[in-house]
């Protein structure tokens, strides 16, 4: 029912930039948080950034060159990164936590590949 669709991934040169987008389906959603995670081959999935109504949080490895933002009216979240490094290469996943009354649900996108290479 709830679907997350990411876009904006692809091949980027070292030092370049990207802007990922994630659209969340549904109307009248009570969204607790929206975020981006990534997973490189052989590594665990890790938090990149998360945004709530009150705050934003970034992983130390990206905080100086990353901005997360959202458009609440459109149920969208964005991730902007610059000064990209080869170690940023990973599948990036959109995440959303939705409040359903007293319960919460966690949802994931299908992932979008980001490759940083010359």
PDB file of N, CA and C in Angstrom:
ATOM      1  N   UNK A   1       0.827  -1.199   0.000  1.00  0.00           N
ATOM      2  CA  UNK A   1       0.000   0.000   0.000  1.00  0.00           C
ATOM      3  C   UNK A   1       0.864   1.252   0.000  1.00  0.00           C
ATOM      4  N   UNK A   2       1.715   1.386   0.997  1.00  0.00           N
ATOM      5  CA  UNK A   2       2.661   2.493   1.024  1.00  0.00           C
ATOM      6  C   UNK A   2       3.862   2.119   0.171  1.00  0.00           C
ATOM      7  N   UNK A   3       4.179   2.973  -0.766  1.00  0.00           N
ATOM      8  CA  UNK A   3       5.302   2.734  -1.659  1.00  0.00           C
ATOM      9  C   UNK A   3       6.234   3.931  -1.676  1.00  0.00           C
ATOM     10  N   UNK A   4       7.512   3.636  -1.736  1.00  0.00           N
ATOM     11  CA  UNK A   4       8.545   4.647  -1.827  1.00  0.00           C
ATOM     12  C   UNK A   4       9.290   4.439  -3.133  1.00  0.00           C
ATOM     13  N   UNK A   5       9.439   5.496  -3.903  1.00  0.00           N
ATOM     14  CA  UNK A   5      10.108   5.424  -5.189  1.00  0.00           C
ATOM     15  C   UNK A   5      11.243   6.431  -5.213  1.00  0.00           C
ATOM     16  N   UNK A   6      12.473   5.914  -5.349  1.00  0.00           N
ATOM     17  CA  UNK A   6      13.659   6.757  -5.402  1.00  0.00           C
ATOM     18  C   UNK A   6      14.042   7.066  -6.840  1.00  0.00           C
ATOM     19  N   UNK A   7      14.715   8.177  -7.015  1.00  0.00           N
ATOM     20  CA  UNK A   7      15.250   8.535  -8.311  1.00  0.00           C
ATOM     21  C   UNK A   7      16.472   9.421  -8.116  1.00  0.00           C
ATOM     22  N   UNK A   8      17.280   9.533  -9.157  1.00  0.00           N
ATOM     23  CA  UNK A   8      18.424  10.416  -9.132  1.00  0.00           C
ATOM     24  C   UNK A   8      19.773   9.736  -9.048  1.00  0.00           C
ATOM     25  N   UNK A   9      19.783   8.429  -8.890  1.00  0.00           N
ATOM     26  CA  UNK A   9      21.046   7.722  -8.828  1.00  0.00           C
ATOM     27  C   UNK A   9      21.691   7.607 -10.189  1.00  0.00           C
ATOM     28  N   UNK A  10      22.932   7.151 -10.183  1.00  0.00           N
ATOM     29  CA  UNK A  10      23.658   6.979 -11.419  1.00  0.00           C
ATOM     30  C   UNK A  10      25.146   7.089 -11.204  1.00  0.00           C
ATOM     31  N   UNK A  11      25.855   7.285 -12.298  1.00  0.00           N
ATOM     32  CA  UNK A  11      27.310   7.402 -12.276  1.00  0.00           C
ATOM     33  C   UNK A  11      27.711   8.857 -12.104  1.00  0.00           C
ATOM     34  N   UNK A  12      28.565   9.108 -11.120  1.00  0.00           N
ATOM     35  CA  UNK A  12      29.050  10.448 -10.830  1.00  0.00           C
ATOM     36  C   UNK A  12      30.566  10.396 -10.682  1.00  0.00           C
ATOM     37  N   UNK A  13      31.241  11.402 -11.183  1.00  0.00           N
ATOM     38  CA  UNK A  13      32.689  11.466 -11.053  1.00  0.00           C
ATOM     39  C   UNK A  13      33.090  11.911  -9.650  1.00  0.00           C
ATOM     40  N   UNK A  14      34.239  11.464  -9.178  1.00  0.00           N
ATOM     41  CA  UNK A  14      34.727  11.961  -7.888  1.00  0.00           C
ATOM     42  C   UNK A  14      34.775  13.481  -7.868  1.00  0.00           C
ATOM     43  N   UNK A  15      34.329  14.060  -6.767  1.00  0.00           N
ATOM     44  CA  UNK A  15      34.230  15.505  -6.653  1.00  0.00           C
ATOM     45  C   UNK A  15      32.925  16.074  -7.159  1.00  0.00           C
ATOM     46  N   UNK A  16      32.124  15.257  -7.794  1.00  0.00           N
ATOM     47  CA  UNK A  16      30.852  15.695  -8.320  1.00  0.00           C
ATOM     48  C   UNK A  16      29.769  15.736  -7.264  1.00  0.00           C
ATOM     49  N   UNK A  17      28.547  15.937  -7.715  1.00  0.00           N
ATOM     50  CA  UNK A  17      27.417  16.051  -6.810  1.00  0.00           C
ATOM     51  C   UNK A  17      26.227  15.284  -7.350  1.00  0.00           C
ATOM     52  N   UNK A  18      25.257  15.054  -6.472  1.00  0.00           N
ATOM     53  CA  UNK A  18      24.034  14.396  -6.866  1.00  0.00           C
ATOM     54  C   UNK A  18      22.877  14.896  -6.028  1.00  0.00           C
ATOM     55  N   UNK A  19      21.688  14.621  -6.514  1.00  0.00           N
ATOM     56  CA  UNK A  19      20.473  14.932  -5.784  1.00  0.00           C
ATOM     57  C   UNK A  19      19.518  13.761  -5.940  1.00  0.00           C
ATOM     58  N   UNK A  20      19.293  13.062  -4.858  1.00  0.00           N
ATOM     59  CA  UNK A  20      18.362  11.954  -4.845  1.00  0.00           C
ATOM     60  C   UNK A  20      16.996  12.427  -4.377  1.00  0.00           C
ATOM     61  N   UNK A  21      15.962  11.837  -4.943  1.00  0.00           N
ATOM     62  CA  UNK A  21      14.595  12.157  -4.573  1.00  0.00           C
ATOM     63  C   UNK A  21      13.858  10.884  -4.196  1.00  0.00           C
ATOM     64  N   UNK A  22      12.927  11.019  -3.286  1.00  0.00           N
ATOM     65  CA  UNK A  22      12.098   9.898  -2.877  1.00  0.00           C
ATOM     66  C   UNK A  22      10.671  10.391  -2.713  1.00  0.00           C
ATOM     67  N   UNK A  23       9.750   9.740  -3.393  1.00  0.00           N
ATOM     68  CA  UNK A  23       8.338  10.058  -3.302  1.00  0.00           C
ATOM     69  C   UNK A  23       7.616   8.961  -2.543  1.00  0.00           C
ATOM     70  N   UNK A  24       6.806   9.350  -1.590  1.00  0.00           N
ATOM     71  CA  UNK A  24       6.042   8.421  -0.764  1.00  0.00           C
ATOM     72  C   UNK A  24       4.586   8.514  -1.159  1.00  0.00           C
ATOM     73  N   UNK A  25       3.984   7.391  -1.476  1.00  0.00           N
ATOM     74  CA  UNK A  25       2.583   7.375  -1.865  1.00  0.00           C
ATOM     75  C   UNK A  25       1.684   7.541  -0.652  1.00  0.00           C
ATOM     76  N   UNK A  26       0.445   7.940  -0.923  1.00  0.00           N
ATOM     77  CA  UNK A  26      -0.531   8.079   0.138  1.00  0.00           C
ATOM     78  C   UNK A  26      -0.901   9.525   0.402  1.00  0.00           C
ATOM     79  N   UNK A  27      -2.013   9.690   1.056  1.00  0.00           N
ATOM     80  CA  UNK A  27      -2.486  11.011   1.441  1.00  0.00           C
ATOM     81  C   UNK A  27      -2.792  11.025   2.923  1.00  0.00           C
ATOM     82  N   UNK A  28      -2.773  12.206   3.469  1.00  0.00           N
ATOM     83  CA  UNK A  28      -3.044  12.387   4.897  1.00  0.00           C
ATOM     84  C   UNK A  28      -2.155  11.515   5.773  1.00  0.00           C
ATOM     85  N   UNK A  29      -0.913  11.389   5.376  1.00  0.00           N
ATOM     86  CA  UNK A  29       0.043  10.600   6.142  1.00  0.00           C
ATOM     87  C   UNK A  29       0.592  11.404   7.314  1.00  0.00           C
ATOM     88  N   UNK A  30       0.734  10.726   8.431  1.00  0.00           N
ATOM     89  CA  UNK A  30       1.415  11.303   9.576  1.00  0.00           C
ATOM     90  C   UNK A  30       2.825  10.724   9.604  1.00  0.00           C
ATOM     91  N   UNK A  31       3.767  11.467   9.067  1.00  0.00           N
ATOM     92  CA  UNK A  31       5.126  10.987   8.903  1.00  0.00           C
ATOM     93  C   UNK A  31       5.974  11.402  10.091  1.00  0.00           C
ATOM     94  N   UNK A  32       6.536  10.406  10.750  1.00  0.00           N
ATOM     95  CA  UNK A  32       7.399  10.674  11.889  1.00  0.00           C
ATOM     96  C   UNK A  32       8.791  11.100  11.442  1.00  0.00           C
ATOM     97  N   UNK A  33       9.336  10.380  10.465  1.00  0.00           N
ATOM     98  CA  UNK A  33      10.669  10.701   9.985  1.00  0.00           C
ATOM     99  C   UNK A  33      10.836  10.203   8.563  1.00  0.00           C
ATOM    100  N   UNK A  34      11.775  10.817   7.862  1.00  0.00           N
ATOM    101  CA  UNK A  34      12.173  10.380   6.533  1.00  0.00           C
ATOM    102  C   UNK A  34      13.693  10.379   6.501  1.00  0.00           C
ATOM    103  N   UNK A  35      14.249   9.396   5.822  1.00  0.00           N
ATOM    104  CA  UNK A  35      15.695   9.314   5.825  1.00  0.00           C
ATOM    105  C   UNK A  35      16.255   8.570   4.645  1.00  0.00           C
ATOM    106  N   UNK A  36      17.570   8.584   4.587  1.00  0.00           N
ATOM    107  CA  UNK A  36      18.319   7.870   3.569  1.00  0.00           C
ATOM    108  C   UNK A  36      19.350   6.974   4.222  1.00  0.00           C
ATOM    109  N   UNK A  37      19.427   5.750   3.751  1.00  0.00           N
ATOM    110  CA  UNK A  37      20.426   4.790   4.156  1.00  0.00           C
ATOM    111  C   UNK A  37      21.177   4.326   2.924  1.00  0.00           C
ATOM    112  N   UNK A  38      22.332   3.725   3.138  1.00  0.00           N
ATOM    113  CA  UNK A  38      23.069   3.186   2.009  1.00  0.00           C
ATOM    114  C   UNK A  38      23.754   1.889   2.404  1.00  0.00           C
ATOM    115  N   UNK A  39      24.005   1.071   1.406  1.00  0.00           N
ATOM    116  CA  UNK A  39      24.673  -0.197   1.627  1.00  0.00           C
ATOM    117  C   UNK A  39      25.610  -0.487   0.468  1.00  0.00           C
ATOM    118  N   UNK A  40      26.870  -0.634   0.790  1.00  0.00           N
ATOM    119  CA  UNK A  40      27.882  -1.009  -0.182  1.00  0.00           C
ATOM    120  C   UNK A  40      28.139  -2.506  -0.077  1.00  0.00           C
ATOM    121  N   UNK A  41      28.622  -3.129  -1.141  1.00  0.00           N
ATOM    122  CA  UNK A  41      28.924  -4.558  -1.085  1.00  0.00           C
ATOM    123  C   UNK A  41      29.855  -4.897   0.068  1.00  0.00           C
ATOM    124  N   UNK A  42      29.487  -5.913   0.830  1.00  0.00           N
ATOM    125  CA  UNK A  42      30.293  -6.337   1.957  1.00  0.00           C
ATOM    126  C   UNK A  42      30.114  -5.521   3.217  1.00  0.00           C
ATOM    127  N   UNK A  43      29.260  -4.520   3.190  1.00  0.00           N
ATOM    128  CA  UNK A  43      29.037  -3.666   4.342  1.00  0.00           C
ATOM    129  C   UNK A  43      27.593  -3.741   4.817  1.00  0.00           C
ATOM    130  N   UNK A  44      27.390  -3.342   6.059  1.00  0.00           N
ATOM    131  CA  UNK A  44      26.044  -3.229   6.595  1.00  0.00           C
ATOM    132  C   UNK A  44      25.360  -1.974   6.063  1.00  0.00           C
ATOM    133  N   UNK A  45      24.054  -2.005   6.066  1.00  0.00           N
ATOM    134  CA  UNK A  45      23.314  -0.807   5.716  1.00  0.00           C
ATOM    135  C   UNK A  45      23.508   0.233   6.812  1.00  0.00           C
ATOM    136  N   UNK A  46      23.821   1.449   6.409  1.00  0.00           N
ATOM    137  CA  UNK A  46      24.112   2.495   7.367  1.00  0.00           C
ATOM    138  C   UNK A  46      23.267   3.731   7.105  1.00  0.00           C
ATOM    139  N   UNK A  47      23.000   4.453   8.174  1.00  0.00           N
ATOM    140  CA  UNK A  47      22.273   5.705   8.070  1.00  0.00           C
ATOM    141  C   UNK A  47      23.141   6.758   7.403  1.00  0.00           C
ATOM    142  N   UNK A  48      22.564   7.471   6.452  1.00  0.00           N
ATOM    143  CA  UNK A  48      23.215   8.625   5.846  1.00  0.00           C
ATOM    144  C   UNK A  48      22.679   9.909   6.467  1.00  0.00           C
ATOM    145  N   UNK A  49      21.367  10.046   6.484  1.00  0.00           N
ATOM    146  CA  UNK A  49      20.738  11.237   7.042  1.00  0.00           C
ATOM    147  C   UNK A  49      19.290  10.938   7.342  1.00  0.00           C
ATOM    148  N   UNK A  50      18.740  11.640   8.325  1.00  0.00           N
ATOM    149  CA  UNK A  50      17.334  11.503   8.674  1.00  0.00           C
ATOM    150  C   UNK A  50      16.794  12.872   9.052  1.00  0.00           C
ATOM    151  N   UNK A  51      15.536  13.099   8.731  1.00  0.00           N
ATOM    152  CA  UNK A  51      14.904  14.378   9.036  1.00  0.00           C
ATOM    153  C   UNK A  51      13.556  14.134   9.693  1.00  0.00           C
ATOM    154  N   UNK A  52      13.292  14.882  10.742  1.00  0.00           N
ATOM    155  CA  UNK A  52      12.004  14.889  11.412  1.00  0.00           C
ATOM    156  C   UNK A  52      11.474  16.316  11.409  1.00  0.00           C
ATOM    157  N   UNK A  53      10.347  16.519  12.053  1.00  0.00           N
ATOM    158  CA  UNK A  53       9.810  17.861  12.154  1.00  0.00           C
ATOM    159  C   UNK A  53      10.716  18.781  12.958  1.00  0.00           C
ATOM    160  N   UNK A  54      11.532  18.198  13.821  1.00  0.00           N
ATOM    161  CA  UNK A  54      12.308  18.993  14.759  1.00  0.00           C
ATOM    162  C   UNK A  54      13.802  19.032  14.476  1.00  0.00           C
ATOM    163  N   UNK A  55      14.317  18.081  13.683  1.00  0.00           N
ATOM    164  CA  UNK A  55      15.763  18.002  13.580  1.00  0.00           C
ATOM    165  C   UNK A  55      16.209  17.270  12.334  1.00  0.00           C
ATOM    166  N   UNK A  56      17.490  17.400  12.050  1.00  0.00           N
ATOM    167  CA  UNK A  56      18.154  16.599  11.039  1.00  0.00           C
ATOM    168  C   UNK A  56      19.384  15.961  11.653  1.00  0.00           C
ATOM    169  N   UNK A  57      19.714  14.778  11.178  1.00  0.00           N
ATOM    170  CA  UNK A  57      20.867  14.052  11.663  1.00  0.00           C
ATOM    171  C   UNK A  57      21.642  13.504  10.478  1.00  0.00           C
ATOM    172  N   UNK A  58      22.964  13.576  10.564  1.00  0.00           N
ATOM    173  CA  UNK A  58      23.828  13.097   9.493  1.00  0.00           C
ATOM    174  C   UNK A  58      24.890  12.158  10.043  1.00  0.00           C
ATOM    175  N   UNK A  59      25.258  11.199   9.228  1.00  0.00           N
ATOM    176  CA  UNK A  59      26.415  10.395   9.553  1.00  0.00           C
ATOM    177  C   UNK A  59      27.667  11.261   9.506  1.00  0.00           C
ATOM    178  N   UNK A  60      28.627  10.954  10.379  1.00  0.00           N
ATOM    179  CA  UNK A  60      29.846  11.748  10.422  1.00  0.00           C
ATOM    180  C   UNK A  60      30.579  11.757   9.082  1.00  0.00           C
ATOM    181  N   UNK A  61      30.484  10.674   8.353  1.00  0.00           N
ATOM    182  CA  UNK A  61      31.210  10.551   7.106  1.00  0.00           C
ATOM    183  C   UNK A  61      30.685  11.450   5.990  1.00  0.00           C
ATOM    184  N   UNK A  62      29.484  11.990   6.160  1.00  0.00           N
ATOM    185  CA  UNK A  62      28.886  12.792   5.096  1.00  0.00           C
ATOM    186  C   UNK A  62      28.428  14.165   5.546  1.00  0.00           C
ATOM    187  N   UNK A  63      28.496  14.459   6.831  1.00  0.00           N
ATOM    188  CA  UNK A  63      27.812  15.631   7.375  1.00  0.00           C
ATOM    189  C   UNK A  63      28.291  16.957   6.799  1.00  0.00           C
ATOM    190  N   UNK A  64      29.547  17.053   6.407  1.00  0.00           N
ATOM    191  CA  UNK A  64      30.092  18.306   5.913  1.00  0.00           C
ATOM    192  C   UNK A  64      29.716  18.603   4.467  1.00  0.00           C
ATOM    193  N   UNK A  65      29.124  17.649   3.796  1.00  0.00           N
ATOM    194  CA  UNK A  65      28.876  17.797   2.373  1.00  0.00           C
ATOM    195  C   UNK A  65      27.510  17.267   1.944  1.00  0.00           C
ATOM    196  N   UNK A  66      26.603  17.156   2.893  1.00  0.00           N
ATOM    197  CA  UNK A  66      25.310  16.553   2.633  1.00  0.00           C
ATOM    198  C   UNK A  66      24.195  17.393   3.231  1.00  0.00           C
ATOM    199  N   UNK A  67      23.090  17.471   2.506  1.00  0.00           N
ATOM    200  CA  UNK A  67      21.896  18.152   2.995  1.00  0.00           C
ATOM    201  C   UNK A  67      20.681  17.284   2.721  1.00  0.00           C
ATOM    202  N   UNK A  68      19.903  17.035   3.753  1.00  0.00           N
ATOM    203  CA  UNK A  68      18.633  16.355   3.592  1.00  0.00           C
ATOM    204  C   UNK A  68      17.517  17.377   3.761  1.00  0.00           C
ATOM    205  N   UNK A  69      16.494  17.259   2.949  1.00  0.00           N
ATOM    206  CA  UNK A  69      15.359  18.164   3.027  1.00  0.00           C
ATOM    207  C   UNK A  69      14.094  17.411   2.639  1.00  0.00           C
ATOM    208  N   UNK A  70      12.970  18.014   2.932  1.00  0.00           N
ATOM    209  CA  UNK A  70      11.717  17.372   2.554  1.00  0.00           C
ATOM    210  C   UNK A  70      10.655  18.399   2.199  1.00  0.00           C
ATOM    211  N   UNK A  71       9.715  17.943   1.410  1.00  0.00           N
ATOM    212  CA  UNK A  71       8.553  18.724   1.043  1.00  0.00           C
ATOM    213  C   UNK A  71       7.359  17.973   1.598  1.00  0.00           C
ATOM    214  N   UNK A  72       6.878  18.410   2.734  1.00  0.00           N
ATOM    215  CA  UNK A  72       5.820  17.683   3.425  1.00  0.00           C
ATOM    216  C   UNK A  72       4.527  17.629   2.612  1.00  0.00           C
ATOM    217  N   UNK A  73       4.223  18.697   1.891  1.00  0.00           N
ATOM    218  CA  UNK A  73       2.996  18.735   1.106  1.00  0.00           C
ATOM    219  C   UNK A  73       3.000  17.699  -0.007  1.00  0.00           C
ATOM    220  N   UNK A  74       4.183  17.353  -0.503  1.00  0.00           N
ATOM    221  CA  UNK A  74       4.306  16.398  -1.602  1.00  0.00           C
ATOM    222  C   UNK A  74       4.759  15.018  -1.144  1.00  0.00           C
ATOM    223  N   UNK A  75       4.953  14.836   0.151  1.00  0.00           N
ATOM    224  CA  UNK A  75       5.460  13.564   0.681  1.00  0.00           C
ATOM    225  C   UNK A  75       6.762  13.166   0.000  1.00  0.00           C
ATOM    226  N   UNK A  76       7.676  14.114  -0.095  1.00  0.00           N
ATOM    227  CA  UNK A  76       8.951  13.841  -0.739  1.00  0.00           C
ATOM    228  C   UNK A  76      10.113  14.214   0.172  1.00  0.00           C
ATOM    229  N   UNK A  77      11.197  13.491   0.004  1.00  0.00           N
ATOM    230  CA  UNK A  77      12.422  13.769   0.721  1.00  0.00           C
ATOM    231  C   UNK A  77      13.568  13.748  -0.280  1.00  0.00           C
ATOM    232  N   UNK A  78      14.566  14.597  -0.029  1.00  0.00           N
ATOM    233  CA  UNK A  78      15.678  14.760  -0.954  1.00  0.00           C
ATOM    234  C   UNK A  78      16.995  14.608  -0.214  1.00  0.00           C
ATOM    235  N   UNK A  79      17.984  14.161  -0.936  1.00  0.00           N
ATOM    236  CA  UNK A  79      19.336  14.074  -0.412  1.00  0.00           C
ATOM    237  C   UNK A  79      20.280  14.702  -1.420  1.00  0.00           C
ATOM    238  N   UNK A  80      20.980  15.736  -0.997  1.00  0.00           N
ATOM    239  CA  UNK A  80      21.971  16.400  -1.831  1.00  0.00           C
ATOM    240  C   UNK A  80      23.351  16.142  -1.260  1.00  0.00           C
ATOM    241  N   UNK A  81      24.246  15.660  -2.099  1.00  0.00           N
ATOM    242  CA  UNK A  81      25.617  15.412  -1.698  1.00  0.00           C
ATOM    243  C   UNK A  81      26.563  16.027  -2.717  1.00  0.00           C
ATOM    244  N   UNK A  82      27.625  16.594  -2.224  1.00  0.00           N
ATOM    245  CA  UNK A  82      28.674  17.086  -3.102  1.00  0.00           C
ATOM    246  C   UNK A  82      30.020  16.541  -2.644  1.00  0.00           C
ATOM    247  N   UNK A  83      31.047  16.891  -3.395  1.00  0.00           N
ATOM    248  CA  UNK A  83      32.384  16.359  -3.127  1.00  0.00           C
ATOM    249  C   UNK A  83      32.355  14.849  -2.971  1.00  0.00           C
ATOM    250  N   UNK A  84      31.696  14.208  -3.894  1.00  0.00           N
ATOM    251  CA  UNK A  84      31.510  12.765  -3.800  1.00  0.00           C
ATOM    252  C   UNK A  84      32.833  12.024  -3.916  1.00  0.00           C
ATOM    253  N   UNK A  85      32.916  10.934  -3.181  1.00  0.00           N
ATOM    254  CA  UNK A  85      34.110  10.112  -3.117  1.00  0.00           C
ATOM    255  C   UNK A  85      33.778   8.697  -3.570  1.00  0.00           C
ATOM    256  N   UNK A  86      34.773   7.952  -4.033  1.00  0.00           N
ATOM    257  CA  UNK A  86      34.503   6.562  -4.412  1.00  0.00           C
ATOM    258  C   UNK A  86      33.856   5.756  -3.289  1.00  0.00           C
ATOM    259  N   UNK A  87      34.195   6.044  -2.041  1.00  0.00           N
ATOM    260  CA  UNK A  87      33.611   5.319  -0.933  1.00  0.00           C
ATOM    261  C   UNK A  87      32.135   5.637  -0.706  1.00  0.00           C
ATOM    262  N   UNK A  88      31.601   6.626  -1.411  1.00  0.00           N
ATOM    263  CA  UNK A  88      30.169   6.891  -1.375  1.00  0.00           C
ATOM    264  C   UNK A  88      29.387   5.925  -2.258  1.00  0.00           C
ATOM    265  N   UNK A  89      30.085   5.140  -3.044  1.00  0.00           N
ATOM    266  CA  UNK A  89      29.426   4.182  -3.920  1.00  0.00           C
ATOM    267  C   UNK A  89      28.625   3.176  -3.102  1.00  0.00           C
ATOM    268  N   UNK A  90      27.341   3.071  -3.392  1.00  0.00           N
ATOM    269  CA  UNK A  90      26.456   2.193  -2.645  1.00  0.00           C
ATOM    270  C   UNK A  90      25.073   2.238  -3.272  1.00  0.00           C
ATOM    271  N   UNK A  91      24.226   1.334  -2.820  1.00  0.00           N
ATOM    272  CA  UNK A  91      22.808   1.445  -3.097  1.00  0.00           C
ATOM    273  C   UNK A  91      22.194   2.304  -2.004  1.00  0.00           C
ATOM    274  N   UNK A  92      21.506   3.346  -2.394  1.00  0.00           N
ATOM    275  CA  UNK A  92      20.891   4.267  -1.451  1.00  0.00           C
ATOM    276  C   UNK A  92      19.406   3.962  -1.336  1.00  0.00           C
ATOM    277  N   UNK A  93      18.940   3.840  -0.105  1.00  0.00           N
ATOM    278  CA  UNK A  93      17.558   3.479   0.174  1.00  0.00           C
ATOM    279  C   UNK A  93      16.839   4.596   0.910  1.00  0.00           C
ATOM    280  N   UNK A  94      15.663   4.903   0.451  1.00  0.00           N
ATOM    281  CA  UNK A  94      14.793   5.834   1.148  1.00  0.00           C
ATOM    282  C   UNK A  94      14.032   5.103   2.244  1.00  0.00           C
ATOM    283  N   UNK A  95      13.830   5.774   3.344  1.00  0.00           N
ATOM    284  CA  UNK A  95      13.130   5.202   4.487  1.00  0.00           C
ATOM    285  C   UNK A  95      12.131   6.204   5.030  1.00  0.00           C
ATOM    286  N   UNK A  96      10.971   5.705   5.444  1.00  0.00           N
ATOM    287  CA  UNK A  96       9.983   6.561   6.079  1.00  0.00           C
ATOM    288  C   UNK A  96       9.334   5.812   7.232  1.00  0.00           C
ATOM    289  N   UNK A  97       9.112   6.508   8.319  1.00  0.00           N
ATOM    290  CA  UNK A  97       8.390   5.975   9.461  1.00  0.00           C
ATOM    291  C   UNK A  97       7.080   6.738   9.558  1.00  0.00           C
ATOM    292  N   UNK A  98       5.983   6.008   9.506  1.00  0.00           N
ATOM    293  CA  UNK A  98       4.654   6.593   9.474  1.00  0.00           C
ATOM    294  C   UNK A  98       3.906   6.245  10.747  1.00  0.00           C
ATOM    295  N   UNK A  99       3.265   7.235  11.317  1.00  0.00           N
ATOM    296  CA  UNK A  99       2.415   7.032  12.485  1.00  0.00           C
ATOM    297  C   UNK A  99       1.020   6.613  12.043  1.00  0.00           C
ATOM    298  N   UNK A 100       0.580   5.468  12.572  1.00  0.00           N
ATOM    299  CA  UNK A 100      -0.778   4.990  12.351  1.00  0.00           C
ATOM    300  C   UNK A 100      -1.473   4.934  13.699  1.00  0.00           C
ATOM    301  N   UNK A 101      -1.960   6.048  14.148  1.00  0.00           N
ATOM    302  CA  UNK A 101      -2.520   6.125  15.490  1.00  0.00           C
ATOM    303  C   UNK A 101      -1.438   5.850  16.510  1.00  0.00           C
ATOM    304  N   UNK A 102      -1.646   4.818  17.306  1.00  0.00           N
ATOM    305  CA  UNK A 102      -0.685   4.449  18.331  1.00  0.00           C
ATOM    306  C   UNK A 102       0.438   3.568  17.806  1.00  0.00           C
ATOM    307  N   UNK A 103       0.366   3.165  16.561  1.00  0.00           N
ATOM    308  CA  UNK A 103       1.359   2.284  15.966  1.00  0.00           C
ATOM    309  C   UNK A 103       2.192   3.021  14.937  1.00  0.00           C
ATOM    310  N   UNK A 104       3.366   2.490  14.687  1.00  0.00           N
ATOM    311  CA  UNK A 104       4.249   3.029  13.678  1.00  0.00           C
ATOM    312  C   UNK A 104       4.644   1.954  12.680  1.00  0.00           C
ATOM    313  N   UNK A 105       4.781   2.363  11.442  1.00  0.00           N
ATOM    314  CA  UNK A 105       5.231   1.470  10.405  1.00  0.00           C
ATOM    315  C   UNK A 105       6.474   2.012   9.730  1.00  0.00           C
ATOM    316  N   UNK A 106       7.390   1.117   9.385  1.00  0.00           N
ATOM    317  CA  UNK A 106       8.629   1.476   8.709  1.00  0.00           C
ATOM    318  C   UNK A 106       8.600   0.932   7.287  1.00  0.00           C
ATOM    319  N   UNK A 107       8.943   1.778   6.338  1.00  0.00           N
ATOM    320  CA  UNK A 107       8.850   1.421   4.928  1.00  0.00           C
ATOM    321  C   UNK A 107      10.141   1.786   4.214  1.00  0.00           C
ATOM    322  N   UNK A 108      10.475   0.985   3.208  1.00  0.00           N
ATOM    323  CA  UNK A 108      11.716   1.149   2.462  1.00  0.00           C
ATOM    324  C   UNK A 108      11.451   1.222   0.971  1.00  0.00           C
ATOM    325  N   UNK A 109      12.245   2.018   0.302  1.00  0.00           N
ATOM    326  CA  UNK A 109      12.235   2.032  -1.145  1.00  0.00           C
ATOM    327  C   UNK A 109      13.038   0.874  -1.712  1.00  0.00           C
ATOM    328  N   UNK A 110      13.011   0.754  -3.022  1.00  0.00           N
ATOM    329  CA  UNK A 110      13.703  -0.349  -3.681  1.00  0.00           C
ATOM    330  C   UNK A 110      15.202  -0.134  -3.786  1.00  0.00           C
ATOM    331  N   UNK A 111      15.645   1.074  -3.591  1.00  0.00           N
ATOM    332  CA  UNK A 111      17.051   1.410  -3.677  1.00  0.00           C
ATOM    333  C   UNK A 111      17.424   1.969  -5.033  1.00  0.00           C
ATOM    334  N   UNK A 112      18.393   2.866  -5.023  1.00  0.00           N
ATOM    335  CA  UNK A 112      18.927   3.414  -6.264  1.00  0.00           C
ATOM    336  C   UNK A 112      20.447   3.395  -6.190  1.00  0.00           C
ATOM    337  N   UNK A 113      21.069   2.925  -7.245  1.00  0.00           N
ATOM    338  CA  UNK A 113      22.514   2.759  -7.266  1.00  0.00           C
ATOM    339  C   UNK A 113      23.208   4.087  -7.508  1.00  0.00           C
ATOM    340  N   UNK A 114      24.177   4.384  -6.665  1.00  0.00           N
ATOM    341  CA  UNK A 114      25.063   5.525  -6.855  1.00  0.00           C
ATOM    342  C   UNK A 114      26.483   4.989  -7.000  1.00  0.00           C
ATOM    343  N   UNK A 115      27.109   5.305  -8.110  1.00  0.00           N
ATOM    344  CA  UNK A 115      28.474   4.878  -8.366  1.00  0.00           C
ATOM    345  C   UNK A 115      29.342   6.101  -8.585  1.00  0.00           C
ATOM    346  N   UNK A 116      30.375   6.232  -7.771  1.00  0.00           N
ATOM    347  CA  UNK A 116      31.298   7.355  -7.869  1.00  0.00           C
ATOM    348  C   UNK A 116      32.607   6.820  -8.425  1.00  0.00           C
ATOM    349  N   UNK A 117      32.877   7.154  -9.655  1.00  0.00           N
ATOM    350  CA  UNK A 117      34.048   6.619 -10.336  1.00  0.00           C
ATOM    351  C   UNK A 117      34.367   7.466 -11.547  1.00  0.00           C
ATOM    352  N   UNK A 118      35.640   7.523 -11.876  1.00  0.00           N
ATOM    353  CA  UNK A 118      36.064   8.192 -13.086  1.00  0.00           C
ATOM    354  C   UNK A 118      36.301   7.202 -14.215  1.00  0.00           C
TER     355      UNK A 118
END
